[in-house]
Amino acid sequence: MENALQRSPIISKLTCGVCYNVGGEDGDRLSNLPEPIIHHIFSFLETIDVVRASAVSRKWRYLWLSIPYLNFNVHNICSNPLERWSLQTTNEKFKDFVNWVLLFQNGSVSIHRFRLSCLNRVDDYTFYRWIAVPIKLPRSLVTCESLVSLKLDFGNREHQGVLNLPTCVGFSRLKSLDLQHVEVLDYNLFREFLSSCPLLENFSPLLENLKMDSCCFPDLKILDISSNSLKSLTLERIEFGGDELDNYKLKIACSNLESFNIFAPLLPDFTLESLNSLQNAFIFLETIGEYMEAKEICHRMSKILNGLRDVKVLKLSCTLYQFLNAILEQRSYFSASFNNLKSLILCVTTAEWTVPLIIRLLNHSPNLEVLTIYFDSVISTPKFI
């Protein structure tokens, strides 16, 4: 390891007068401080200065490997004002340094803070490889009894950050949880964590709002959300394990749920139970699926309609309409009525089944008060109600 560390990027020596003679045997009070205190002091420095400080004292030689605070700033990668690097050279040297630090970082150390200030290079995905390092939530955050709202956003729609889940009980007073661009590698641990909070299965008694946007569960086959307290649920572009639609299953059982929005790339296998309090529902699908048989599509969509039959405001994407028309035409799939439906919102096209579908929906909605129709050939972006 020493040979590898010696091949580190060229880093200017630390020339801070305060640290002069600190490495001596006499009066080395800073080096003799407990390691947590030294970590706290170094947390105010940028990582490149922490690495430079390793040359000041033999006791600090490998201390930078276990610092739980990482702070990278591209503007400080060059400490010699007489050197003038091009933007490309600066960016490359900065990437080499960050990669070098992350490569030798002690994997058993939980990162408490990660700050990154870098050049904006749209075609450079190095940044997303950096943030793919598992991020662990501090215990102080997890066990904070006054925390009522938490939002975690780890990337963009193409890249998620990996969340290292805590195993301790926490989030006892959480009312709102928003997870965006989060990847969870161990779904079993995810379920244990949420049930220990507890959030999903018998949610925290106070949790009312849950949103998951562009989250990834590589080994997930069934997403089961059961709660007596949840009032609002939004699911956008959840990535499930496997490529086949048979692995894409979703169960929602929330007796007090009032608002349910889902934006999905394909038609999942829904199971909707006990949605007696549901007020608003928006179902948006990018596509039904090229390889699914028509019978299976009708079966899945009939389960959606039966689960939403008590809703008061319903909005559906136009990708559903062809099979929805066939389902309503054959009463064997769906024979009930939307007796509570007051407002129906449709984004329609000029397809031949549009008018018959509207007529059939009206026949199944005896108490409908408001019908809103938008004409559009392509619905590209969902707008939740």
Protein backbone atom coordinates (compact mmCIF):
# COMPACT_ATOMS: atom_id res chain seq x y z
CA MET A 1 0.00 0.00 0.00
CA GLU A 2 2.91 2.37 0.77
CA ASN A 3 4.18 2.05 -2.81
CA ALA A 4 0.75 2.86 -4.15
CA LEU A 5 0.41 5.85 -1.87
CA GLN A 6 3.80 7.12 -2.93
CA ARG A 7 2.54 7.26 -6.51
CA SER A 8 -0.01 9.89 -5.53
CA PRO A 9 -0.67 13.01 -7.62
CA ILE A 10 1.85 15.82 -7.08
CA ILE A 11 0.59 17.91 -4.16
CA SER A 12 2.28 21.07 -2.92
CA LYS A 13 3.71 20.91 0.59
CA LEU A 14 1.84 22.52 3.43
CA THR A 15 3.54 25.79 4.40
CA CYS A 16 1.42 26.92 7.29
CA GLY A 17 3.32 28.69 10.04
CA VAL A 18 0.97 27.36 12.67
CA CYS A 19 2.08 23.82 11.90
CA TYR A 20 5.79 24.59 11.96
CA ASN A 21 7.66 22.18 14.28
CA VAL A 22 4.41 20.42 15.13
CA GLY A 23 6.01 17.15 14.14
CA GLY A 24 8.72 17.46 16.73
CA GLU A 25 8.83 15.27 19.77
CA ASP A 26 8.63 18.20 22.21
CA GLY A 27 5.40 20.16 22.57
CA ASP A 28 3.48 18.14 19.96
CA ARG A 29 0.19 18.71 21.72
CA LEU A 30 -1.95 18.76 18.55
CA SER A 31 -0.82 15.29 17.42
CA ASN A 32 -1.46 13.91 20.90
CA LEU A 33 -5.11 14.94 20.85
CA PRO A 34 -7.70 12.13 20.60
CA GLU A 35 -8.39 11.10 17.01
CA PRO A 36 -12.09 12.27 17.01
CA ILE A 37 -10.94 15.77 18.00
CA ILE A 38 -8.29 15.78 15.27
CA HIS A 39 -10.97 14.64 12.80
CA HIS A 40 -13.19 17.50 13.93
CA ILE A 41 -10.37 20.03 13.47
CA PHE A 42 -9.54 18.64 10.05
CA SER A 43 -13.21 18.72 9.05
CA PHE A 44 -12.83 22.47 8.52
CA LEU A 45 -10.05 21.91 5.97
CA GLU A 46 -10.32 20.86 2.38
CA THR A 47 -9.25 17.29 1.72
CA ILE A 48 -6.19 18.37 -0.26
CA ASP A 49 -4.94 20.29 2.81
CA VAL A 50 -5.59 17.28 5.02
CA VAL A 51 -3.43 15.18 2.69
CA ARG A 52 -0.72 17.85 2.75
CA ALA A 53 -0.85 17.83 6.56
CA SER A 54 0.11 14.13 6.49
CA ALA A 55 3.68 15.25 5.75
CA VAL A 56 3.83 17.41 8.90
CA SER A 57 3.63 14.64 11.50
CA ARG A 58 4.38 10.93 11.36
CA LYS A 59 1.25 10.31 13.43
CA TRP A 60 -0.82 11.95 10.68
CA ARG A 61 0.77 10.01 7.83
CA TYR A 62 -2.32 7.89 7.14
CA LEU A 63 -4.87 9.96 9.03
CA TRP A 64 -6.42 11.27 5.81
CA LEU A 65 -7.50 7.71 4.98
CA SER A 66 -9.99 7.70 7.86
CA ILE A 67 -11.30 11.28 7.78
CA PRO A 68 -15.13 11.11 7.56
CA TYR A 69 -15.31 14.58 6.01
CA LEU A 70 -14.44 14.90 2.32
CA ASN A 71 -14.24 18.36 0.79
CA PHE A 72 -13.02 18.69 -2.80
CA ASN A 73 -12.72 22.02 -4.63
CA VAL A 74 -11.29 22.18 -8.13
CA HIS A 75 -10.23 25.80 -7.65
CA ASN A 76 -7.74 24.83 -4.94
CA ILE A 77 -6.07 21.94 -6.73
CA CYS A 78 -3.21 24.24 -7.76
CA SER A 79 -1.62 26.00 -4.79
CA ASN A 80 1.23 27.69 -6.70
CA PRO A 81 -0.02 31.07 -8.03
CA LEU A 82 2.91 31.18 -10.47
CA GLU A 83 1.58 28.11 -12.31
CA ARG A 84 -1.18 28.71 -14.82
CA TRP A 85 -3.01 25.58 -15.89
CA SER A 86 -5.58 25.35 -18.63
CA LEU A 87 -9.12 24.38 -17.66
CA GLN A 88 -8.58 20.93 -19.16
CA THR A 89 -5.34 20.39 -17.22
CA THR A 90 -6.95 21.64 -14.00
CA ASN A 91 -9.91 19.35 -14.49
CA GLU A 92 -7.76 16.31 -15.22
CA LYS A 93 -5.49 16.87 -12.20
CA PHE A 94 -8.53 17.42 -10.00
CA LYS A 95 -10.13 14.17 -11.19
CA ASP A 96 -6.85 12.31 -10.58
CA PHE A 97 -6.73 13.61 -7.03
CA VAL A 98 -10.36 12.79 -6.19
CA ASN A 99 -10.06 9.32 -7.71
CA TRP A 100 -6.86 8.72 -5.74
CA VAL A 101 -8.44 9.77 -2.42
CA LEU A 102 -11.61 7.72 -2.97
CA LEU A 103 -9.60 4.68 -4.06
CA PHE A 104 -7.65 4.50 -0.80
CA GLN A 105 -10.41 5.70 1.52
CA ASN A 106 -10.99 3.35 4.45
CA GLY A 107 -14.16 1.48 3.50
CA SER A 108 -15.15 0.95 7.12
CA VAL A 109 -15.37 4.70 7.76
CA SER A 110 -18.81 6.28 7.47
CA ILE A 111 -18.75 9.48 5.43
CA HIS A 112 -20.43 12.25 7.43
CA ARG A 113 -20.06 14.98 4.84
CA PHE A 114 -19.16 14.98 1.15
CA ARG A 115 -18.66 18.30 -0.62
CA LEU A 116 -17.67 18.57 -4.26
CA SER A 117 -17.04 21.70 -6.30
CA CYS A 118 -15.97 20.86 -9.83
CA LEU A 119 -16.00 22.17 -13.38
CA ASN A 120 -19.26 21.74 -15.27
CA ARG A 121 -18.52 19.17 -17.97
CA VAL A 122 -21.78 17.87 -19.44
CA ASP A 123 -20.07 15.00 -21.28
CA ASP A 124 -18.05 13.90 -18.26
CA TYR A 125 -19.65 11.19 -16.07
CA THR A 126 -16.76 10.97 -13.62
CA PHE A 127 -18.86 12.94 -11.15
CA TYR A 128 -21.54 10.25 -11.10
CA ARG A 129 -18.98 7.54 -10.44
CA TRP A 130 -17.79 9.54 -7.46
CA ILE A 131 -21.20 9.91 -5.88
CA ALA A 132 -21.91 6.20 -6.45
CA VAL A 133 -19.82 5.63 -3.33
CA PRO A 134 -22.39 4.49 -0.73
CA ILE A 135 -23.65 7.38 1.35
CA LYS A 136 -24.46 6.59 4.97
CA LEU A 137 -26.85 8.75 6.93
CA PRO A 138 -25.36 10.03 10.18
CA ARG A 139 -26.80 8.38 13.27
CA SER A 140 -27.59 11.82 14.68
CA LEU A 141 -29.88 12.41 11.70
CA VAL A 142 -31.57 9.02 11.86
CA THR A 143 -32.28 9.29 15.58
CA CYS A 144 -33.27 12.98 15.54
CA GLU A 145 -36.63 13.11 17.32
CA SER A 146 -37.53 16.59 16.06
CA LEU A 147 -37.09 15.74 12.35
CA VAL A 148 -40.46 15.85 10.54
CA SER A 149 -39.44 16.22 6.87
CA LEU A 150 -36.53 14.59 5.01
CA LYS A 151 -35.53 14.90 1.35
CA LEU A 152 -32.59 12.98 -0.13
CA ASP A 153 -31.59 13.75 -3.73
CA PHE A 154 -28.45 11.94 -4.89
CA GLY A 155 -28.16 12.57 -8.64
CA ASN A 156 -30.21 12.93 -11.82
CA ARG A 157 -32.49 10.72 -13.90
CA GLU A 158 -29.58 8.81 -15.46
CA HIS A 159 -27.49 8.30 -12.33
CA GLN A 160 -28.45 7.49 -8.74
CA GLY A 161 -26.42 7.72 -5.58
CA VAL A 162 -26.13 4.58 -3.47
CA LEU A 163 -27.68 4.87 0.00
CA ASN A 164 -26.06 2.87 2.77
CA LEU A 165 -29.00 2.27 5.08
CA PRO A 166 -28.66 2.51 8.84
CA THR A 167 -29.64 -0.46 10.97
CA CYS A 168 -30.70 1.54 14.01
CA VAL A 169 -34.27 2.55 14.82
CA GLY A 170 -35.06 6.15 13.92
CA PHE A 171 -37.23 8.78 12.20
CA SER A 172 -39.89 8.33 14.87
CA ARG A 173 -41.58 11.70 14.16
CA LEU A 174 -41.09 11.86 10.41
CA LYS A 175 -44.12 13.17 8.49
CA SER A 176 -42.70 13.56 5.00
CA LEU A 177 -40.09 11.44 3.19
CA ASP A 178 -38.85 12.36 -0.30
CA LEU A 179 -36.29 10.04 -1.95
CA GLN A 180 -34.94 11.12 -5.34
CA HIS A 181 -32.29 9.39 -7.48
CA VAL A 182 -31.50 6.96 -4.67
CA GLU A 183 -30.19 3.44 -5.29
CA VAL A 184 -30.69 0.78 -2.63
CA LEU A 185 -28.56 -2.31 -3.20
CA ASP A 186 -30.07 -4.49 -0.47
CA TYR A 187 -33.86 -4.45 -0.60
CA ASN A 188 -34.19 -6.80 2.38
CA LEU A 189 -32.20 -4.34 4.47
CA PHE A 190 -34.38 -1.57 3.07
CA ARG A 191 -37.52 -3.36 4.29
CA GLU A 192 -35.97 -4.05 7.69
CA PHE A 193 -34.94 -0.41 8.00
CA LEU A 194 -38.37 0.88 7.06
CA SER A 195 -40.16 -1.56 9.32
CA SER A 196 -37.82 -0.70 12.20
CA CYS A 197 -38.54 3.02 11.77
CA PRO A 198 -41.25 1.89 11.03
CA LEU A 199 -42.15 3.56 7.75
CA LEU A 200 -43.60 1.29 5.11
CA GLU A 201 -45.08 -1.67 6.86
CA ASN A 202 -47.02 -0.12 9.72
CA PHE A 203 -45.53 3.28 8.98
CA SER A 204 -44.40 5.70 11.61
CA PRO A 205 -47.66 6.92 13.18
CA LEU A 206 -46.91 10.43 11.91
CA LEU A 207 -45.69 9.78 8.36
CA GLU A 208 -48.20 11.19 5.89
CA ASN A 209 -46.30 11.89 2.67
CA LEU A 210 -44.01 9.58 0.73
CA LYS A 211 -42.41 10.35 -2.61
CA MET A 212 -39.92 8.21 -4.51
CA ASP A 213 -38.58 9.62 -7.77
CA SER A 214 -36.09 7.79 -10.03
CA CYS A 215 -35.12 5.38 -7.27
CA CYS A 216 -33.47 2.08 -8.11
CA PHE A 217 -33.83 -1.30 -6.36
CA PRO A 218 -31.65 -3.73 -8.36
CA ASP A 219 -32.89 -6.84 -6.53
CA LEU A 220 -36.49 -5.71 -6.05
CA LYS A 221 -39.33 -7.80 -7.44
CA ILE A 222 -42.34 -6.54 -5.46
CA LEU A 223 -42.74 -3.11 -3.88
CA ASP A 224 -45.15 -3.45 -0.96
CA ILE A 225 -46.41 -0.23 0.65
CA SER A 226 -48.87 -0.80 3.48
CA SER A 227 -49.84 1.95 5.90
CA ASN A 228 -52.70 3.27 8.01
CA SER A 229 -51.24 6.78 8.26
CA LEU A 230 -50.03 7.56 4.75
CA LYS A 231 -52.10 10.27 3.00
CA SER A 232 -50.04 11.08 -0.08
CA LEU A 233 -48.00 8.70 -2.23
CA THR A 234 -46.06 9.59 -5.39
CA LEU A 235 -44.01 7.07 -7.35
CA GLU A 236 -42.03 8.21 -10.38
CA ARG A 237 -39.83 6.04 -12.59
CA ILE A 238 -39.04 3.39 -10.01
CA GLU A 239 -36.48 0.93 -11.40
CA PHE A 240 -37.12 -2.67 -10.40
CA GLY A 241 -34.86 -5.70 -10.64
CA GLY A 242 -34.95 -7.70 -13.85
CA ASP A 243 -36.05 -6.71 -17.33
CA GLU A 244 -39.23 -8.77 -17.64
CA LEU A 245 -42.58 -7.25 -16.77
CA ASP A 246 -43.49 -10.26 -14.64
CA ASN A 247 -40.97 -8.95 -12.08
CA TYR A 248 -42.59 -5.53 -11.95
CA LYS A 249 -45.19 -5.75 -9.18
CA LEU A 250 -46.61 -3.09 -6.93
CA LYS A 251 -48.87 -3.49 -3.90
CA ILE A 252 -50.54 -0.48 -2.26
CA ALA A 253 -52.65 -1.01 0.86
CA CYS A 254 -53.25 2.35 2.59
CA SER A 255 -56.64 2.84 4.20
CA ASN A 256 -56.21 6.61 4.70
CA LEU A 257 -54.49 7.41 1.42
CA GLU A 258 -55.97 10.53 -0.18
CA SER A 259 -53.64 11.17 -3.12
CA PHE A 260 -51.91 8.60 -5.32
CA ASN A 261 -49.73 9.53 -8.31
CA ILE A 262 -47.67 7.15 -10.37
CA PHE A 263 -45.53 7.75 -13.42
CA ALA A 264 -44.12 4.52 -14.81
CA PRO A 265 -42.32 3.53 -18.02
CA LEU A 266 -44.30 0.27 -18.28
CA LEU A 267 -47.53 -1.22 -16.98
CA PRO A 268 -46.84 -2.80 -13.56
CA ASP A 269 -48.82 -5.61 -12.00
CA PHE A 270 -50.89 -3.59 -9.53
CA THR A 271 -52.53 -4.76 -6.35
CA LEU A 272 -54.57 -1.92 -4.82
CA GLU A 273 -56.28 -2.66 -1.50
CA SER A 274 -58.33 -0.69 1.03
CA LEU A 275 -58.12 2.65 -0.79
CA ASN A 276 -61.45 3.76 0.66
CA SER A 277 -60.29 7.32 1.43
CA LEU A 278 -58.71 8.00 -1.95
CA GLN A 279 -59.55 11.47 -3.31
CA ASN A 280 -57.17 11.98 -6.24
CA ALA A 281 -55.42 9.50 -8.52
CA PHE A 282 -53.17 10.05 -11.53
CA ILE A 283 -51.97 7.04 -13.54
CA PHE A 284 -49.39 7.88 -16.21
CA LEU A 285 -47.62 5.25 -18.31
CA GLU A 286 -45.06 5.95 -21.01
CA THR A 287 -45.97 2.73 -22.79
CA ILE A 288 -47.93 -0.44 -22.15
CA GLY A 289 -45.16 -2.80 -23.24
CA GLU A 290 -44.34 -4.38 -26.57
CA TYR A 291 -44.18 -8.02 -25.52
CA MET A 292 -47.10 -8.31 -23.13
CA GLU A 293 -50.14 -10.23 -24.35
CA ALA A 294 -53.40 -8.32 -24.67
CA LYS A 295 -55.11 -10.62 -22.16
CA GLU A 296 -52.48 -9.87 -19.51
CA ILE A 297 -52.74 -6.13 -20.21
CA CYS A 298 -56.51 -6.21 -19.73
CA HIS A 299 -56.12 -8.24 -16.55
CA ARG A 300 -53.66 -5.76 -15.04
CA MET A 301 -55.69 -2.74 -16.04
CA SER A 302 -58.87 -4.24 -14.62
CA LYS A 303 -57.07 -4.57 -11.27
CA ILE A 304 -56.22 -0.86 -11.45
CA LEU A 305 -59.82 0.13 -12.19
CA ASN A 306 -61.21 -2.02 -9.39
CA GLY A 307 -58.68 -0.57 -6.96
CA LEU A 308 -59.60 3.00 -7.92
CA ARG A 309 -63.37 2.63 -8.02
CA ASP A 310 -63.85 4.83 -4.91
CA VAL A 311 -61.71 7.73 -6.18
CA LYS A 312 -63.22 11.24 -6.51
CA VAL A 313 -60.78 12.81 -9.00
CA LEU A 314 -59.22 10.62 -11.68
CA LYS A 315 -56.65 11.49 -14.35
CA LEU A 316 -55.42 8.94 -16.87
CA SER A 317 -52.73 9.08 -19.57
CA CYS A 318 -53.67 8.40 -23.18
CA THR A 319 -51.43 5.31 -23.35
CA LEU A 320 -54.14 3.45 -21.41
CA TYR A 321 -57.10 4.30 -23.58
CA GLN A 322 -57.08 1.58 -26.23
CA PHE A 323 -57.15 -1.26 -23.70
CA LEU A 324 -59.27 0.71 -21.26
CA ASN A 325 -61.94 0.96 -23.95
CA ALA A 326 -61.78 -2.80 -24.53
CA ILE A 327 -62.06 -3.49 -20.79
CA LEU A 328 -65.14 -1.30 -20.36
CA GLU A 329 -66.69 -2.87 -23.44
CA GLN A 330 -66.28 -6.37 -22.00
CA ARG A 331 -67.95 -6.22 -18.59
CA SER A 332 -66.25 -9.45 -17.55
CA TYR A 333 -63.12 -7.41 -16.75
CA PHE A 334 -64.78 -4.48 -14.98
CA SER A 335 -68.48 -4.39 -14.14
CA ALA A 336 -68.45 -1.90 -11.23
CA SER A 337 -69.05 1.84 -11.39
CA PHE A 338 -67.13 4.88 -10.14
CA ASN A 339 -69.93 5.96 -7.83
CA ASN A 340 -67.79 8.53 -5.97
CA LEU A 341 -66.12 10.01 -9.04
CA LYS A 342 -66.77 13.76 -9.27
CA SER A 343 -64.06 14.90 -11.69
CA LEU A 344 -62.55 13.04 -14.66
CA ILE A 345 -59.53 14.42 -16.53
CA LEU A 346 -58.55 12.91 -19.87
CA CYS A 347 -55.69 13.77 -22.22
CA VAL A 348 -56.97 12.35 -25.50
CA THR A 349 -55.88 11.97 -29.09
CA THR A 350 -57.85 11.64 -32.32
CA ALA A 351 -57.71 7.84 -32.21
CA GLU A 352 -60.85 5.99 -33.21
CA TRP A 353 -61.51 4.62 -29.72
CA THR A 354 -61.49 8.06 -28.05
CA VAL A 355 -65.21 8.88 -28.36
CA PRO A 356 -66.43 5.35 -27.45
CA LEU A 357 -64.11 5.40 -24.42
CA ILE A 358 -65.48 8.73 -23.18
CA ILE A 359 -69.06 7.47 -23.54
CA ARG A 360 -68.28 4.27 -21.62
CA LEU A 361 -66.50 6.18 -18.85
CA LEU A 362 -69.51 8.47 -18.50
CA ASN A 363 -71.78 5.43 -18.26
CA HIS A 364 -69.61 4.09 -15.43
CA SER A 365 -69.61 7.42 -13.58
CA PRO A 366 -73.22 8.13 -12.51
CA ASN A 367 -72.30 11.04 -10.17
CA LEU A 368 -69.70 12.78 -12.33
CA GLU A 369 -69.83 16.58 -12.09
CA VAL A 370 -66.79 17.76 -14.08
CA LEU A 371 -65.33 16.33 -17.28
CA THR A 372 -62.07 17.89 -18.51
CA ILE A 373 -60.67 16.89 -21.89
CA TYR A 374 -57.28 17.89 -23.29
CA PHE A 375 -56.40 17.12 -26.88
CA ASP A 376 -52.77 16.26 -27.46
CA SER A 377 -50.96 13.87 -29.76
CA VAL A 378 -48.12 13.17 -27.32
CA ILE A 379 -48.18 13.54 -23.55
CA SER A 380 -44.51 13.74 -22.58
CA THR A 381 -44.46 15.17 -19.06
CA PRO A 382 -46.82 14.22 -16.23
CA LYS A 383 -48.44 16.97 -14.22
CA PHE A 384 -49.67 15.64 -10.94
CA ILE A 385 -53.03 16.83 -9.64
